[in-house]
């Protein structure tokens, strides 16, 4: 339906995500808000050539922000996917 590069936007490199990758073979990606778990699984398998066991997703809604004026804005909304790979599989990030 959609290109894999449109579904997977970027990998999230945080302390927690790095620990998950090293210890449990789980990787955290920022994905398109419309993408479902099946599309995310297919995109990861197509882009990296790895076997995906599970995909967990969560939506992160933008917070209201103000900067010394009455005019309010919002921070960006995004969707996170935690992808669990098969035992022995790794994604090289370097």
PDB file of N, CA and C in Angstrom:
ATOM      1  N   UNK A   1       0.825  -1.192   0.000  1.00  0.00           N
ATOM      2  CA  UNK A   1       0.000   0.000   0.000  1.00  0.00           C
ATOM      3  C   UNK A   1       0.873   1.261   0.000  1.00  0.00           C
ATOM      4  N   UNK A   2       1.766   1.387   0.983  1.00  0.00           N
ATOM      5  CA  UNK A   2       2.661   2.529   1.056  1.00  0.00           C
ATOM      6  C   UNK A   2       4.096   2.029   0.960  1.00  0.00           C
ATOM      7  N   UNK A   3       4.980   2.913   0.573  1.00  0.00           N
ATOM      8  CA  UNK A   3       6.393   2.555   0.533  1.00  0.00           C
ATOM      9  C   UNK A   3       6.929   2.389   1.943  1.00  0.00           C
ATOM     10  N   UNK A   4       7.879   1.500   2.096  1.00  0.00           N
ATOM     11  CA  UNK A   4       8.475   1.249   3.409  1.00  0.00           C
ATOM     12  C   UNK A   4       9.139   2.496   3.966  1.00  0.00           C
ATOM     13  N   UNK A   5       9.721   3.298   3.088  1.00  0.00           N
ATOM     14  CA  UNK A   5      10.391   4.514   3.551  1.00  0.00           C
ATOM     15  C   UNK A   5       9.402   5.576   3.996  1.00  0.00           C
ATOM     16  N   UNK A   6       8.149   5.489   3.571  1.00  0.00           N
ATOM     17  CA  UNK A   6       7.125   6.416   4.046  1.00  0.00           C
ATOM     18  C   UNK A   6       6.578   5.970   5.397  1.00  0.00           C
ATOM     19  N   UNK A   7       6.601   4.679   5.671  1.00  0.00           N
ATOM     20  CA  UNK A   7       6.079   4.162   6.936  1.00  0.00           C
ATOM     21  C   UNK A   7       7.098   4.346   8.052  1.00  0.00           C
ATOM     22  N   UNK A   8       8.352   3.952   7.816  1.00  0.00           N
ATOM     23  CA  UNK A   8       9.404   4.089   8.821  1.00  0.00           C
ATOM     24  C   UNK A   8      10.071   5.441   8.618  1.00  0.00           C
ATOM     25  N   UNK A   9       9.889   6.349   9.572  1.00  0.00           N
ATOM     26  CA  UNK A   9      10.470   7.692   9.422  1.00  0.00           C
ATOM     27  C   UNK A   9      11.904   7.745   9.920  1.00  0.00           C
ATOM     28  N   UNK A  10      12.150   7.287  11.151  1.00  0.00           N
ATOM     29  CA  UNK A  10      13.501   7.318  11.700  1.00  0.00           C
ATOM     30  C   UNK A  10      13.587   6.349  12.876  1.00  0.00           C
ATOM     31  N   UNK A  11      14.801   6.034  13.251  1.00  0.00           N
ATOM     32  CA  UNK A  11      15.015   5.211  14.439  1.00  0.00           C
ATOM     33  C   UNK A  11      15.222   6.161  15.616  1.00  0.00           C
ATOM     34  N   UNK A  12      14.694   5.801  16.778  1.00  0.00           N
ATOM     35  CA  UNK A  12      14.825   6.640  17.972  1.00  0.00           C
ATOM     36  C   UNK A  12      16.007   6.123  18.785  1.00  0.00           C
ATOM     37  N   UNK A  13      17.061   6.918  18.878  1.00  0.00           N
ATOM     38  CA  UNK A  13      18.250   6.528  19.620  1.00  0.00           C
ATOM     39  C   UNK A  13      18.266   7.246  20.963  1.00  0.00           C
ATOM     40  N   UNK A  14      17.693   6.611  21.969  1.00  0.00           N
ATOM     41  CA  UNK A  14      17.701   7.128  23.329  1.00  0.00           C
ATOM     42  C   UNK A  14      18.415   6.106  24.206  1.00  0.00           C
ATOM     43  N   UNK A  15      18.662   6.457  25.447  1.00  0.00           N
ATOM     44  CA  UNK A  15      19.306   5.502  26.357  1.00  0.00           C
ATOM     45  C   UNK A  15      18.473   4.242  26.508  1.00  0.00           C
ATOM     46  N   UNK A  16      17.178   4.423  26.727  1.00  0.00           N
ATOM     47  CA  UNK A  16      16.296   3.280  26.920  1.00  0.00           C
ATOM     48  C   UNK A  16      16.227   2.416  25.658  1.00  0.00           C
ATOM     49  N   UNK A  17      16.133   3.050  24.498  1.00  0.00           N
ATOM     50  CA  UNK A  17      16.061   2.306  23.242  1.00  0.00           C
ATOM     51  C   UNK A  17      17.355   1.539  22.987  1.00  0.00           C
ATOM     52  N   UNK A  18      18.489   2.133  23.325  1.00  0.00           N
ATOM     53  CA  UNK A  18      19.777   1.465  23.138  1.00  0.00           C
ATOM     54  C   UNK A  18      19.886   0.238  24.038  1.00  0.00           C
ATOM     55  N   UNK A  19      19.454   0.362  25.282  1.00  0.00           N
ATOM     56  CA  UNK A  19      19.476  -0.778  26.203  1.00  0.00           C
ATOM     57  C   UNK A  19      18.554  -1.897  25.727  1.00  0.00           C
ATOM     58  N   UNK A  20      17.368  -1.531  25.214  1.00  0.00           N
ATOM     59  CA  UNK A  20      16.448  -2.540  24.681  1.00  0.00           C
ATOM     60  C   UNK A  20      17.073  -3.283  23.503  1.00  0.00           C
ATOM     61  N   UNK A  21      17.757  -2.561  22.647  1.00  0.00           N
ATOM     62  CA  UNK A  21      18.384  -3.183  21.484  1.00  0.00           C
ATOM     63  C   UNK A  21      19.490  -4.143  21.870  1.00  0.00           C
ATOM     64  N   UNK A  22      20.303  -3.753  22.858  1.00  0.00           N
ATOM     65  CA  UNK A  22      21.427  -4.597  23.265  1.00  0.00           C
ATOM     66  C   UNK A  22      20.974  -5.834  24.028  1.00  0.00           C
ATOM     67  N   UNK A  23      19.999  -5.678  24.919  1.00  0.00           N
ATOM     68  CA  UNK A  23      19.645  -6.786  25.809  1.00  0.00           C
ATOM     69  C   UNK A  23      18.505  -7.663  25.283  1.00  0.00           C
ATOM     70  N   UNK A  24      17.518  -7.063  24.596  1.00  0.00           N
ATOM     71  CA  UNK A  24      16.324  -7.826  24.238  1.00  0.00           C
ATOM     72  C   UNK A  24      16.036  -7.886  22.747  1.00  0.00           C
ATOM     73  N   UNK A  25      16.915  -7.354  21.933  1.00  0.00           N
ATOM     74  CA  UNK A  25      16.723  -7.363  20.486  1.00  0.00           C
ATOM     75  C   UNK A  25      15.451  -6.611  20.083  1.00  0.00           C
ATOM     76  N   UNK A  26      15.179  -5.483  20.774  1.00  0.00           N
ATOM     77  CA  UNK A  26      14.034  -4.627  20.464  1.00  0.00           C
ATOM     78  C   UNK A  26      14.564  -3.285  19.967  1.00  0.00           C
ATOM     79  N   UNK A  27      13.926  -2.743  18.949  1.00  0.00           N
ATOM     80  CA  UNK A  27      14.354  -1.484  18.358  1.00  0.00           C
ATOM     81  C   UNK A  27      13.169  -0.536  18.282  1.00  0.00           C
ATOM     82  N   UNK A  28      13.424   0.748  18.520  1.00  0.00           N
ATOM     83  CA  UNK A  28      12.371   1.758  18.589  1.00  0.00           C
ATOM     84  C   UNK A  28      12.454   2.637  17.342  1.00  0.00           C
ATOM     85  N   UNK A  29      11.320   2.774  16.658  1.00  0.00           N
ATOM     86  CA  UNK A  29      11.239   3.575  15.443  1.00  0.00           C
ATOM     87  C   UNK A  29      10.131   4.608  15.569  1.00  0.00           C
ATOM     88  N   UNK A  30      10.328   5.754  14.924  1.00  0.00           N
ATOM     89  CA  UNK A  30       9.243   6.707  14.738  1.00  0.00           C
ATOM     90  C   UNK A  30       8.615   6.359  13.402  1.00  0.00           C
ATOM     91  N   UNK A  31       7.300   6.157  13.407  1.00  0.00           N
ATOM     92  CA  UNK A  31       6.612   5.694  12.200  1.00  0.00           C
ATOM     93  C   UNK A  31       5.493   6.670  11.827  1.00  0.00           C
ATOM     94  N   UNK A  32       4.954   6.485  10.641  1.00  0.00           N
ATOM     95  CA  UNK A  32       3.843   7.318  10.176  1.00  0.00           C
ATOM     96  C   UNK A  32       2.620   7.066  11.057  1.00  0.00           C
ATOM     97  N   UNK A  33       1.859   8.117  11.384  1.00  0.00           N
ATOM     98  CA  UNK A  33       0.710   7.962  12.284  1.00  0.00           C
ATOM     99  C   UNK A  33      -0.371   7.027  11.748  1.00  0.00           C
ATOM    100  N   UNK A  34      -0.499   6.899  10.435  1.00  0.00           N
ATOM    101  CA  UNK A  34      -1.542   6.059   9.843  1.00  0.00           C
ATOM    102  C   UNK A  34      -1.141   4.592   9.755  1.00  0.00           C
ATOM    103  N   UNK A  35       0.130   4.268  10.012  1.00  0.00           N
ATOM    104  CA  UNK A  35       0.641   2.909   9.820  1.00  0.00           C
ATOM    105  C   UNK A  35       0.123   1.970  10.909  1.00  0.00           C
ATOM    106  N   UNK A  36      -0.269   0.768  10.497  1.00  0.00           N
ATOM    107  CA  UNK A  36      -0.685  -0.230  11.485  1.00  0.00           C
ATOM    108  C   UNK A  36       0.450  -1.235  11.699  1.00  0.00           C
ATOM    109  N   UNK A  37       0.250  -2.174  12.614  1.00  0.00           N
ATOM    110  CA  UNK A  37       1.318  -3.100  12.992  1.00  0.00           C
ATOM    111  C   UNK A  37       1.757  -3.996  11.835  1.00  0.00           C
ATOM    112  N   UNK A  38       0.816  -4.423  11.007  1.00  0.00           N
ATOM    113  CA  UNK A  38       1.146  -5.290   9.875  1.00  0.00           C
ATOM    114  C   UNK A  38       2.014  -4.538   8.871  1.00  0.00           C
ATOM    115  N   UNK A  39       1.669  -3.284   8.586  1.00  0.00           N
ATOM    116  CA  UNK A  39       2.463  -2.486   7.650  1.00  0.00           C
ATOM    117  C   UNK A  39       3.864  -2.218   8.203  1.00  0.00           C
ATOM    118  N   UNK A  40       3.956  -1.959   9.499  1.00  0.00           N
ATOM    119  CA  UNK A  40       5.249  -1.711  10.124  1.00  0.00           C
ATOM    120  C   UNK A  40       6.117  -2.960  10.053  1.00  0.00           C
ATOM    121  N   UNK A  41       5.531  -4.119  10.345  1.00  0.00           N
ATOM    122  CA  UNK A  41       6.266  -5.393  10.261  1.00  0.00           C
ATOM    123  C   UNK A  41       6.815  -5.623   8.853  1.00  0.00           C
ATOM    124  N   UNK A  42       5.982  -5.441   7.832  1.00  0.00           N
ATOM    125  CA  UNK A  42       6.412  -5.643   6.451  1.00  0.00           C
ATOM    126  C   UNK A  42       7.501  -4.658   6.057  1.00  0.00           C
ATOM    127  N   UNK A  43       7.382  -3.407   6.514  1.00  0.00           N
ATOM    128  CA  UNK A  43       8.373  -2.387   6.170  1.00  0.00           C
ATOM    129  C   UNK A  43       9.736  -2.716   6.773  1.00  0.00           C
ATOM    130  N   UNK A  44       9.763  -3.150   8.042  1.00  0.00           N
ATOM    131  CA  UNK A  44      11.031  -3.497   8.698  1.00  0.00           C
ATOM    132  C   UNK A  44      11.657  -4.708   8.009  1.00  0.00           C
ATOM    133  N   UNK A  45      10.860  -5.723   7.708  1.00  0.00           N
ATOM    134  CA  UNK A  45      11.388  -6.911   7.051  1.00  0.00           C
ATOM    135  C   UNK A  45      11.911  -6.578   5.656  1.00  0.00           C
ATOM    136  N   UNK A  46      11.259  -5.655   4.945  1.00  0.00           N
ATOM    137  CA  UNK A  46      11.696  -5.268   3.609  1.00  0.00           C
ATOM    138  C   UNK A  46      12.963  -4.407   3.656  1.00  0.00           C
ATOM    139  N   UNK A  47      13.013  -3.439   4.574  1.00  0.00           N
ATOM    140  CA  UNK A  47      14.147  -2.515   4.632  1.00  0.00           C
ATOM    141  C   UNK A  47      15.416  -3.171   5.174  1.00  0.00           C
ATOM    142  N   UNK A  48      15.276  -3.959   6.247  1.00  0.00           N
ATOM    143  CA  UNK A  48      16.447  -4.506   6.922  1.00  0.00           C
ATOM    144  C   UNK A  48      16.675  -5.991   6.660  1.00  0.00           C
ATOM    145  N   UNK A  49      15.699  -6.683   6.105  1.00  0.00           N
ATOM    146  CA  UNK A  49      15.848  -8.110   5.835  1.00  0.00           C
ATOM    147  C   UNK A  49      15.917  -8.956   7.093  1.00  0.00           C
ATOM    148  N   UNK A  50      15.212  -8.572   8.137  1.00  0.00           N
ATOM    149  CA  UNK A  50      15.216  -9.284   9.415  1.00  0.00           C
ATOM    150  C   UNK A  50      13.827  -9.853   9.700  1.00  0.00           C
ATOM    151  N   UNK A  51      13.771 -10.925  10.495  1.00  0.00           N
ATOM    152  CA  UNK A  51      12.508 -11.553  10.887  1.00  0.00           C
ATOM    153  C   UNK A  51      11.953 -10.841  12.116  1.00  0.00           C
ATOM    154  N   UNK A  52      10.741 -10.309  12.013  1.00  0.00           N
ATOM    155  CA  UNK A  52      10.097  -9.571  13.105  1.00  0.00           C
ATOM    156  C   UNK A  52       9.152 -10.503  13.853  1.00  0.00           C
ATOM    157  N   UNK A  53       9.298 -10.564  15.188  1.00  0.00           N
ATOM    158  CA  UNK A  53       8.398 -11.375  16.010  1.00  0.00           C
ATOM    159  C   UNK A  53       7.174 -10.601  16.464  1.00  0.00           C
ATOM    160  N   UNK A  54       7.360  -9.329  16.881  1.00  0.00           N
ATOM    161  CA  UNK A  54       6.250  -8.552  17.422  1.00  0.00           C
ATOM    162  C   UNK A  54       6.455  -7.074  17.160  1.00  0.00           C
ATOM    163  N   UNK A  55       5.344  -6.354  17.110  1.00  0.00           N
ATOM    164  CA  UNK A  55       5.364  -4.902  16.969  1.00  0.00           C
ATOM    165  C   UNK A  55       4.408  -4.320  18.004  1.00  0.00           C
ATOM    166  N   UNK A  56       4.905  -3.414  18.832  1.00  0.00           N
ATOM    167  CA  UNK A  56       4.073  -2.693  19.794  1.00  0.00           C
ATOM    168  C   UNK A  56       4.101  -1.221  19.412  1.00  0.00           C
ATOM    169  N   UNK A  57       2.933  -0.566  19.406  1.00  0.00           N
ATOM    170  CA  UNK A  57       2.871   0.829  18.997  1.00  0.00           C
ATOM    171  C   UNK A  57       2.250   1.684  20.099  1.00  0.00           C
ATOM    172  N   UNK A  58       2.584   2.968  20.064  1.00  0.00           N
ATOM    173  CA  UNK A  58       1.953   3.939  20.961  1.00  0.00           C
ATOM    174  C   UNK A  58       1.960   5.301  20.287  1.00  0.00           C
ATOM    175  N   UNK A  59       0.884   6.053  20.495  1.00  0.00           N
ATOM    176  CA  UNK A  59       0.765   7.398  19.958  1.00  0.00           C
ATOM    177  C   UNK A  59       1.194   8.396  21.014  1.00  0.00           C
ATOM    178  N   UNK A  60       1.994   9.387  20.617  1.00  0.00           N
ATOM    179  CA  UNK A  60       2.438  10.439  21.521  1.00  0.00           C
ATOM    180  C   UNK A  60       1.846  11.750  21.027  1.00  0.00           C
ATOM    181  N   UNK A  61       0.950  12.316  21.820  1.00  0.00           N
ATOM    182  CA  UNK A  61       0.257  13.521  21.427  1.00  0.00           C
ATOM    183  C   UNK A  61       1.060  14.753  21.817  1.00  0.00           C
ATOM    184  N   UNK A  62       0.965  15.803  20.998  1.00  0.00           N
ATOM    185  CA  UNK A  62       1.721  17.023  21.234  1.00  0.00           C
ATOM    186  C   UNK A  62       1.198  17.784  22.441  1.00  0.00           C
ATOM    187  N   UNK A  63       2.111  18.391  23.171  1.00  0.00           N
ATOM    188  CA  UNK A  63       1.749  19.193  24.334  1.00  0.00           C
ATOM    189  C   UNK A  63       1.524  20.639  23.908  1.00  0.00           C
ATOM    190  N   UNK A  64       0.643  21.328  24.618  1.00  0.00           N
ATOM    191  CA  UNK A  64       0.441  22.755  24.372  1.00  0.00           C
ATOM    192  C   UNK A  64       1.663  23.512  24.882  1.00  0.00           C
ATOM    193  N   UNK A  65       2.143  24.448  24.092  1.00  0.00           N
ATOM    194  CA  UNK A  65       3.331  25.225  24.442  1.00  0.00           C
ATOM    195  C   UNK A  65       3.023  26.708  24.345  1.00  0.00           C
ATOM    196  N   UNK A  66       3.681  27.494  25.192  1.00  0.00           N
ATOM    197  CA  UNK A  66       3.584  28.952  25.137  1.00  0.00           C
ATOM    198  C   UNK A  66       4.962  29.527  25.328  1.00  0.00           C
ATOM    199  N   UNK A  67       5.255  30.637  24.663  1.00  0.00           N
ATOM    200  CA  UNK A  67       6.549  31.275  24.825  1.00  0.00           C
ATOM    201  C   UNK A  67       6.356  32.761  25.129  1.00  0.00           C
ATOM    202  N   UNK A  68       6.074  33.069  26.376  1.00  0.00           N
ATOM    203  CA  UNK A  68       5.962  34.445  26.891  1.00  0.00           C
ATOM    204  C   UNK A  68       4.906  35.294  26.206  1.00  0.00           C
ATOM    205  N   UNK A  69       4.001  34.689  25.478  1.00  0.00           N
ATOM    206  CA  UNK A  69       2.904  35.416  24.858  1.00  0.00           C
ATOM    207  C   UNK A  69       1.632  34.608  25.065  1.00  0.00           C
ATOM    208  N   UNK A  70       0.517  35.197  24.703  1.00  0.00           N
ATOM    209  CA  UNK A  70      -0.753  34.492  24.831  1.00  0.00           C
ATOM    210  C   UNK A  70      -0.931  33.484  23.691  1.00  0.00           C
ATOM    211  N   UNK A  71      -0.168  33.659  22.611  1.00  0.00           N
ATOM    212  CA  UNK A  71      -0.288  32.765  21.463  1.00  0.00           C
ATOM    213  C   UNK A  71       0.282  31.392  21.826  1.00  0.00           C
ATOM    214  N   UNK A  72      -0.558  30.388  21.762  1.00  0.00           N
ATOM    215  CA  UNK A  72      -0.134  29.036  22.126  1.00  0.00           C
ATOM    216  C   UNK A  72       0.129  28.218  20.870  1.00  0.00           C
ATOM    217  N   UNK A  73       1.027  27.289  20.971  1.00  0.00           N
ATOM    218  CA  UNK A  73       1.310  26.353  19.886  1.00  0.00           C
ATOM    219  C   UNK A  73       1.303  24.945  20.447  1.00  0.00           C
ATOM    220  N   UNK A  74       1.699  24.007  19.648  1.00  0.00           N
ATOM    221  CA  UNK A  74       1.762  22.617  20.096  1.00  0.00           C
ATOM    222  C   UNK A  74       3.063  21.997  19.624  1.00  0.00           C
ATOM    223  N   UNK A  75       3.598  21.088  20.431  1.00  0.00           N
ATOM    224  CA  UNK A  75       4.736  20.304  19.972  1.00  0.00           C
ATOM    225  C   UNK A  75       4.201  19.200  19.052  1.00  0.00           C
ATOM    226  N   UNK A  76       5.066  18.595  18.303  1.00  0.00           N
ATOM    227  CA  UNK A  76       4.657  17.640  17.274  1.00  0.00           C
ATOM    228  C   UNK A  76       4.067  16.363  17.881  1.00  0.00           C
ATOM    229  N   UNK A  77       3.089  15.800  17.186  1.00  0.00           N
ATOM    230  CA  UNK A  77       2.535  14.497  17.545  1.00  0.00           C
ATOM    231  C   UNK A  77       3.251  13.454  16.700  1.00  0.00           C
ATOM    232  N   UNK A  78       3.488  12.269  17.286  1.00  0.00           N
ATOM    233  CA  UNK A  78       4.188  11.227  16.563  1.00  0.00           C
ATOM    234  C   UNK A  78       3.772   9.862  17.080  1.00  0.00           C
ATOM    235  N   UNK A  79       4.100   8.834  16.311  1.00  0.00           N
ATOM    236  CA  UNK A  79       3.771   7.456  16.672  1.00  0.00           C
ATOM    237  C   UNK A  79       5.064   6.672  16.819  1.00  0.00           C
ATOM    238  N   UNK A  80       5.132   5.880  17.893  1.00  0.00           N
ATOM    239  CA  UNK A  80       6.319   5.080  18.190  1.00  0.00           C
ATOM    240  C   UNK A  80       6.004   3.606  17.982  1.00  0.00           C
ATOM    241  N   UNK A  81       6.965   2.876  17.434  1.00  0.00           N
ATOM    242  CA  UNK A  81       6.832   1.429  17.265  1.00  0.00           C
ATOM    243  C   UNK A  81       8.050   0.757  17.886  1.00  0.00           C
ATOM    244  N   UNK A  82       7.803  -0.197  18.783  1.00  0.00           N
ATOM    245  CA  UNK A  82       8.876  -1.008  19.363  1.00  0.00           C
ATOM    246  C   UNK A  82       8.807  -2.361  18.657  1.00  0.00           C
ATOM    247  N   UNK A  83       9.861  -2.672  17.917  1.00  0.00           N
ATOM    248  CA  UNK A  83       9.900  -3.867  17.078  1.00  0.00           C
ATOM    249  C   UNK A  83      10.801  -4.905  17.731  1.00  0.00           C
ATOM    250  N   UNK A  84      10.267  -6.115  17.957  1.00  0.00           N
ATOM    251  CA  UNK A  84      11.035  -7.220  18.516  1.00  0.00           C
ATOM    252  C   UNK A  84      11.467  -8.138  17.385  1.00  0.00           C
ATOM    253  N   UNK A  85      12.768  -8.357  17.285  1.00  0.00           N
ATOM    254  CA  UNK A  85      13.307  -9.235  16.241  1.00  0.00           C
ATOM    255  C   UNK A  85      13.462 -10.657  16.763  1.00  0.00           C
ATOM    256  N   UNK A  86      13.598 -11.587  15.840  1.00  0.00           N
ATOM    257  CA  UNK A  86      13.809 -12.992  16.185  1.00  0.00           C
ATOM    258  C   UNK A  86      15.134 -13.139  16.934  1.00  0.00           C
ATOM    259  N   UNK A  87      15.261 -14.166  17.777  1.00  0.00           N
ATOM    260  CA  UNK A  87      16.514 -14.381  18.510  1.00  0.00           C
ATOM    261  C   UNK A  87      17.714 -14.486  17.557  1.00  0.00           C
ATOM    262  N   UNK A  88      18.789 -13.813  17.901  1.00  0.00           N
ATOM    263  CA  UNK A  88      19.984 -13.838  17.075  1.00  0.00           C
ATOM    264  C   UNK A  88      20.032 -12.778  15.998  1.00  0.00           C
ATOM    265  N   UNK A  89      18.920 -12.090  15.736  1.00  0.00           N
ATOM    266  CA  UNK A  89      18.880 -11.041  14.713  1.00  0.00           C
ATOM    267  C   UNK A  89      19.233  -9.709  15.343  1.00  0.00           C
ATOM    268  N   UNK A  90      19.989  -8.882  14.593  1.00  0.00           N
ATOM    269  CA  UNK A  90      20.371  -7.551  15.063  1.00  0.00           C
ATOM    270  C   UNK A  90      20.301  -6.576  13.891  1.00  0.00           C
ATOM    271  N   UNK A  91      20.050  -5.313  14.209  1.00  0.00           N
ATOM    272  CA  UNK A  91      20.124  -4.257  13.215  1.00  0.00           C
ATOM    273  C   UNK A  91      21.361  -3.441  13.548  1.00  0.00           C
ATOM    274  N   UNK A  92      22.293  -3.358  12.602  1.00  0.00           N
ATOM    275  CA  UNK A  92      23.518  -2.580  12.818  1.00  0.00           C
ATOM    276  C   UNK A  92      23.202  -1.112  12.580  1.00  0.00           C
ATOM    277  N   UNK A  93      23.398  -0.295  13.599  1.00  0.00           N
ATOM    278  CA  UNK A  93      23.034   1.112  13.514  1.00  0.00           C
ATOM    279  C   UNK A  93      24.185   1.993  13.065  1.00  0.00           C
ATOM    280  N   UNK A  94      25.390   1.463  13.037  1.00  0.00           N
ATOM    281  CA  UNK A  94      26.552   2.283  12.656  1.00  0.00           C
ATOM    282  C   UNK A  94      26.857   2.190  11.191  1.00  0.00           C
TER     283      UNK A  94
END
